[in-house]
Structures are given as structure tokens and as C-alpha cells.
Amino acid sequence: MEQFEVGDIVRVTGAVMTGNVGTVVHVDRKREQYLVRVTDVTQNYFAQDDLELFSSTGA
């Protein structure tokens, strides 16, 4: 469950909000989900399998 940390920039790859890039703002270890803030007013919880680290270089 420790793949991402608060402050990591991630891209959503799951069915909901696919392609959006946001920042991990909370790790819910009990539910095994990450709270990702996409904009100032948009955030959602995602499972680890629905996220990938974002790289602006494409690597």
C-alpha cells in the first residue's frame, strides 16, 4: 500500500477521472486508498491500481 506518499504527483488510470493529474493529499491505510486533489475543489479517493506516478518527461 505504500506505493505513493503525500505530495506525489499522480495520473489517474482507473475508470473514474481517467487521465487527470493531481496530488496525493492523504493516505487512508485502513481503506487502502489515496485521496488525490485534482483542482482546488475536486478530489477523490483512488485505489493504488487506479494511479501511476506522473512524469512530465514521459518516462
C-alpha atoms as a PDB file:
ATOM      1  CA  MET A   1       0.000   0.000   0.000  1.00  0.00           C
ATOM      2  CA  GLU A   2       2.983   2.311   0.346  1.00  0.00           C
ATOM      3  CA  GLN A   3       3.491   2.978  -3.371  1.00  0.00           C
ATOM      4  CA  PHE A   4       2.531   6.667  -3.134  1.00  0.00           C
ATOM      5  CA  GLU A   5       3.155   9.325  -0.485  1.00  0.00           C
ATOM      6  CA  VAL A   6       1.507  12.635   0.356  1.00  0.00           C
ATOM      7  CA  GLY A   7       2.836  15.185  -2.125  1.00  0.00           C
ATOM      8  CA  ASP A   8       3.347  12.741  -5.021  1.00  0.00           C
ATOM      9  CA  ILE A   9       2.021  13.881  -8.392  1.00  0.00           C
ATOM     10  CA  VAL A  10      -0.060  11.090  -9.943  1.00  0.00           C
ATOM     11  CA  ARG A  11      -2.118  10.404 -13.070  1.00  0.00           C
ATOM     12  CA  VAL A  12      -5.466   8.642 -12.731  1.00  0.00           C
ATOM     13  CA  THR A  13      -5.638   5.456 -14.832  1.00  0.00           C
ATOM     14  CA  GLY A  14      -8.861   3.933 -13.492  1.00  0.00           C
ATOM     15  CA  ALA A  15     -12.391   4.230 -14.858  1.00  0.00           C
ATOM     16  CA  VAL A  16     -13.229   7.397 -12.894  1.00  0.00           C
ATOM     17  CA  MET A  17     -11.447  10.651 -13.863  1.00  0.00           C
ATOM     18  CA  THR A  18      -9.063   8.835 -16.233  1.00  0.00           C
ATOM     19  CA  GLY A  19      -6.163  10.968 -17.444  1.00  0.00           C
ATOM     20  CA  ASN A  20      -6.475  13.632 -14.747  1.00  0.00           C
ATOM     21  CA  VAL A  21      -3.308  14.613 -12.907  1.00  0.00           C
ATOM     22  CA  GLY A  22      -3.361  15.531  -9.233  1.00  0.00           C
ATOM     23  CA  THR A  23      -1.537  15.481  -5.924  1.00  0.00           C
ATOM     24  CA  VAL A  24      -1.850  12.832  -3.222  1.00  0.00           C
ATOM     25  CA  VAL A  25      -3.077  14.734  -0.145  1.00  0.00           C
ATOM     26  CA  HIS A  26      -3.964  11.833   2.181  1.00  0.00           C
ATOM     27  CA  VAL A  27      -3.249   8.125   2.521  1.00  0.00           C
ATOM     28  CA  ASP A  28      -6.113   6.118   4.034  1.00  0.00           C
ATOM     29  CA  ARG A  29      -4.316   2.969   5.143  1.00  0.00           C
ATOM     30  CA  LYS A  30      -7.447   1.444   6.663  1.00  0.00           C
ATOM     31  CA  ARG A  31      -9.376   1.649   3.353  1.00  0.00           C
ATOM     32  CA  GLU A  32      -6.187   1.217   1.276  1.00  0.00           C
ATOM     33  CA  GLN A  33      -6.951   4.280  -0.827  1.00  0.00           C
ATOM     34  CA  TYR A  34      -5.300   7.564  -1.723  1.00  0.00           C
ATOM     35  CA  LEU A  35      -7.059  10.938  -1.673  1.00  0.00           C
ATOM     36  CA  VAL A  36      -5.983  12.817  -4.799  1.00  0.00           C
ATOM     37  CA  ARG A  37      -6.687  16.541  -5.253  1.00  0.00           C
ATOM     38  CA  VAL A  38      -7.083  17.399  -8.942  1.00  0.00           C
ATOM     39  CA  THR A  39      -8.182  21.044  -8.587  1.00  0.00           C
ATOM     40  CA  ASP A  40      -8.915  23.415  -5.722  1.00  0.00           C
ATOM     41  CA  VAL A  41     -12.451  21.984  -5.474  1.00  0.00           C
ATOM     42  CA  THR A  42     -12.099  18.478  -6.976  1.00  0.00           C
ATOM     43  CA  GLN A  43     -10.669  15.487  -5.141  1.00  0.00           C
ATOM     44  CA  ASN A  44     -11.465  11.794  -4.926  1.00  0.00           C
ATOM     45  CA  TYR A  45     -10.251   8.560  -3.336  1.00  0.00           C
ATOM     46  CA  PHE A  46      -8.499   6.021  -5.574  1.00  0.00           C
ATOM     47  CA  ALA A  47      -7.082   2.529  -5.152  1.00  0.00           C
ATOM     48  CA  GLN A  48      -3.377   2.041  -5.826  1.00  0.00           C
ATOM     49  CA  ASP A  49      -4.155   0.202  -9.077  1.00  0.00           C
ATOM     50  CA  ASP A  50      -6.000   3.277 -10.399  1.00  0.00           C
ATOM     51  CA  LEU A  51      -2.943   5.571 -10.157  1.00  0.00           C
ATOM     52  CA  GLU A  52       0.528   5.934 -11.627  1.00  0.00           C
ATOM     53  CA  LEU A  53       3.315   8.383 -10.842  1.00  0.00           C
ATOM     54  CA  PHE A  54       3.172  11.323 -13.229  1.00  0.00           C
ATOM     55  CA  SER A  55       6.254  12.319 -15.175  1.00  0.00           C
ATOM     56  CA  SER A  56       6.275  15.323 -17.485  1.00  0.00           C
ATOM     57  CA  THR A  57       9.147  13.706 -19.400  1.00  0.00           C
ATOM     58  CA  GLY A  58       7.061  10.673 -20.319  1.00  0.00           C
ATOM     59  CA  ALA A  59       9.475   8.303 -18.585  1.00  0.00           C
END
